[in-house]
């Protein structure tokens, strides 16, 4: 694919990708979705709080009415 390069290690295994920033501008929404998915996947094992508890905390801190 034009504008995309794969970086490999000593055994020719793909370890990273380089993307031309001009290419990213053309696919801004798609890249945002991809990044959101990567972030969500990386956080899937984090501890979670119930929404009601978060709302209660924000109200107590005066950040939510």
N, C-alpha and C. Protein backbone atom coordinates (compact mmCIF):
# COMPACT_ATOMS: atom_id res chain seq x y z
N UNK A 1 0.85 -1.17 0.00
CA UNK A 1 0.00 0.00 0.00
C UNK A 1 0.89 1.24 0.00
N UNK A 2 0.57 2.19 -0.82
CA UNK A 2 1.36 3.41 -0.93
C UNK A 2 1.28 4.19 0.38
N UNK A 3 2.43 4.65 0.86
CA UNK A 3 2.49 5.43 2.08
C UNK A 3 2.59 4.62 3.36
N UNK A 4 2.65 3.29 3.24
CA UNK A 4 2.73 2.42 4.41
C UNK A 4 3.96 1.53 4.28
N UNK A 5 4.77 1.52 5.35
CA UNK A 5 5.97 0.67 5.37
C UNK A 5 5.96 -0.16 6.64
N UNK A 6 6.33 -1.42 6.52
CA UNK A 6 6.45 -2.29 7.68
C UNK A 6 7.90 -2.36 8.10
N UNK A 7 8.15 -2.27 9.39
CA UNK A 7 9.49 -2.41 9.94
C UNK A 7 9.61 -3.83 10.50
N UNK A 8 10.73 -4.46 10.22
CA UNK A 8 10.92 -5.85 10.64
C UNK A 8 12.12 -5.98 11.56
N UNK A 9 12.13 -7.09 12.32
CA UNK A 9 13.26 -7.37 13.19
C UNK A 9 14.28 -8.21 12.42
N UNK A 10 15.28 -8.73 13.13
CA UNK A 10 16.35 -9.50 12.49
C UNK A 10 15.88 -10.77 11.80
N UNK A 11 14.74 -11.32 12.24
CA UNK A 11 14.22 -12.53 11.61
C UNK A 11 13.11 -12.22 10.62
N UNK A 12 13.05 -10.96 10.18
CA UNK A 12 12.10 -10.50 9.17
C UNK A 12 10.64 -10.56 9.64
N UNK A 13 10.42 -10.54 10.96
CA UNK A 13 9.08 -10.51 11.52
C UNK A 13 8.64 -9.05 11.62
N UNK A 14 7.42 -8.75 11.14
CA UNK A 14 6.90 -7.39 11.20
C UNK A 14 6.70 -6.99 12.67
N UNK A 15 7.29 -5.85 13.05
CA UNK A 15 7.19 -5.38 14.43
C UNK A 15 6.58 -3.98 14.56
N UNK A 16 6.50 -3.25 13.47
CA UNK A 16 5.96 -1.90 13.52
C UNK A 16 5.53 -1.49 12.12
N UNK A 17 4.78 -0.41 12.07
CA UNK A 17 4.34 0.12 10.78
C UNK A 17 4.59 1.63 10.77
N UNK A 18 5.01 2.11 9.63
CA UNK A 18 5.22 3.54 9.41
C UNK A 18 4.19 4.00 8.39
N UNK A 19 3.45 5.05 8.74
CA UNK A 19 2.41 5.55 7.85
C UNK A 19 2.69 7.01 7.53
N UNK A 20 2.69 7.34 6.25
CA UNK A 20 2.89 8.71 5.80
C UNK A 20 1.76 9.59 6.34
N UNK A 21 2.10 10.68 6.99
CA UNK A 21 1.10 11.55 7.60
C UNK A 21 0.13 12.13 6.58
N UNK A 22 0.56 12.33 5.36
CA UNK A 22 -0.34 12.84 4.32
C UNK A 22 -1.44 11.82 4.03
N UNK A 23 -1.09 10.54 4.13
CA UNK A 23 -2.07 9.48 3.92
C UNK A 23 -3.11 9.50 5.05
N UNK A 24 -2.66 9.77 6.26
CA UNK A 24 -3.57 9.81 7.40
C UNK A 24 -4.63 10.90 7.24
N UNK A 25 -4.24 12.04 6.67
CA UNK A 25 -5.18 13.13 6.48
C UNK A 25 -6.37 12.71 5.61
N UNK A 26 -6.14 11.84 4.66
CA UNK A 26 -7.20 11.38 3.75
C UNK A 26 -8.18 10.46 4.46
N UNK A 27 -7.72 9.75 5.49
CA UNK A 27 -8.53 8.75 6.17
C UNK A 27 -8.68 9.08 7.66
N UNK A 28 -8.91 10.35 7.96
CA UNK A 28 -8.95 10.84 9.33
C UNK A 28 -9.96 10.07 10.19
N UNK A 29 -11.19 9.92 9.74
CA UNK A 29 -12.22 9.24 10.53
C UNK A 29 -11.87 7.78 10.76
N UNK A 30 -11.40 7.11 9.72
CA UNK A 30 -11.04 5.70 9.85
C UNK A 30 -9.87 5.51 10.82
N UNK A 31 -8.90 6.42 10.77
CA UNK A 31 -7.75 6.31 11.67
C UNK A 31 -8.18 6.55 13.11
N UNK A 32 -9.10 7.49 13.30
CA UNK A 32 -9.61 7.75 14.65
C UNK A 32 -10.30 6.51 15.21
N UNK A 33 -11.09 5.83 14.38
CA UNK A 33 -11.75 4.60 14.79
C UNK A 33 -10.73 3.50 15.12
N UNK A 34 -9.69 3.39 14.31
CA UNK A 34 -8.65 2.40 14.54
C UNK A 34 -7.94 2.66 15.87
N UNK A 35 -7.58 3.90 16.11
CA UNK A 35 -6.89 4.26 17.35
C UNK A 35 -7.79 4.02 18.55
N UNK A 36 -9.08 4.38 18.43
CA UNK A 36 -10.03 4.13 19.52
C UNK A 36 -10.10 2.63 19.83
N UNK A 37 -10.11 1.81 18.79
CA UNK A 37 -10.15 0.36 18.98
C UNK A 37 -8.90 -0.16 19.67
N UNK A 38 -7.76 0.36 19.29
CA UNK A 38 -6.49 -0.05 19.91
C UNK A 38 -6.49 0.32 21.38
N UNK A 39 -6.93 1.53 21.70
CA UNK A 39 -6.98 1.98 23.10
C UNK A 39 -7.95 1.11 23.90
N UNK A 40 -9.12 0.85 23.34
CA UNK A 40 -10.11 0.02 24.04
C UNK A 40 -9.55 -1.37 24.31
N UNK A 41 -8.90 -1.95 23.33
CA UNK A 41 -8.32 -3.28 23.48
C UNK A 41 -7.24 -3.28 24.56
N UNK A 42 -6.43 -2.24 24.61
CA UNK A 42 -5.35 -2.19 25.59
C UNK A 42 -5.87 -2.01 27.01
N UNK A 43 -7.09 -1.49 27.16
CA UNK A 43 -7.65 -1.22 28.48
C UNK A 43 -8.67 -2.26 28.93
N UNK A 44 -8.88 -3.32 28.17
CA UNK A 44 -9.96 -4.26 28.45
C UNK A 44 -9.84 -4.96 29.80
N UNK A 45 -8.64 -5.08 30.33
CA UNK A 45 -8.46 -5.78 31.61
C UNK A 45 -8.36 -4.84 32.81
N UNK A 46 -8.53 -3.54 32.58
CA UNK A 46 -8.47 -2.59 33.68
C UNK A 46 -9.70 -2.72 34.58
N UNK A 47 -9.54 -2.34 35.83
CA UNK A 47 -10.67 -2.34 36.76
C UNK A 47 -11.71 -1.33 36.29
N UNK A 48 -12.96 -1.67 36.51
CA UNK A 48 -14.05 -0.80 36.07
C UNK A 48 -14.87 -0.36 37.26
N UNK A 49 -15.53 0.79 37.12
CA UNK A 49 -16.44 1.30 38.13
C UNK A 49 -17.82 1.42 37.50
N UNK A 50 -18.85 1.14 38.28
CA UNK A 50 -20.21 1.32 37.76
C UNK A 50 -20.46 2.79 37.43
N UNK A 51 -21.24 3.05 36.40
CA UNK A 51 -21.53 4.41 35.98
C UNK A 51 -22.13 5.22 37.12
N UNK A 52 -23.01 4.62 37.90
CA UNK A 52 -23.63 5.34 39.01
C UNK A 52 -22.58 5.83 40.00
N UNK A 53 -21.55 5.04 40.25
CA UNK A 53 -20.48 5.45 41.18
C UNK A 53 -19.68 6.60 40.60
N UNK A 54 -19.43 6.58 39.31
CA UNK A 54 -18.68 7.66 38.65
C UNK A 54 -19.49 8.96 38.72
N UNK A 55 -20.78 8.87 38.43
CA UNK A 55 -21.65 10.06 38.48
C UNK A 55 -21.68 10.62 39.89
N UNK A 56 -21.81 9.76 40.89
CA UNK A 56 -21.84 10.21 42.28
C UNK A 56 -20.54 10.94 42.65
N UNK A 57 -19.41 10.39 42.24
CA UNK A 57 -18.11 11.02 42.52
C UNK A 57 -18.01 12.38 41.84
N UNK A 58 -18.41 12.47 40.58
CA UNK A 58 -18.34 13.73 39.85
C UNK A 58 -19.26 14.78 40.48
N UNK A 59 -20.42 14.38 40.93
CA UNK A 59 -21.32 15.33 41.60
C UNK A 59 -20.71 15.81 42.91
N UNK A 60 -20.12 14.91 43.68
CA UNK A 60 -19.51 15.27 44.95
C UNK A 60 -18.34 16.24 44.74
N UNK A 61 -17.61 16.08 43.63
CA UNK A 61 -16.49 16.96 43.32
C UNK A 61 -16.94 18.27 42.68
N UNK A 62 -18.23 18.41 42.42
CA UNK A 62 -18.75 19.62 41.81
C UNK A 62 -18.51 19.71 40.32
N UNK A 63 -18.15 18.59 39.69
CA UNK A 63 -17.87 18.59 38.26
C UNK A 63 -19.11 18.23 37.43
N UNK A 64 -20.18 17.85 38.13
CA UNK A 64 -21.41 17.45 37.46
C UNK A 64 -22.57 17.90 38.34
N UNK A 65 -23.61 18.40 37.71
CA UNK A 65 -24.79 18.85 38.48
C UNK A 65 -25.85 17.79 38.49
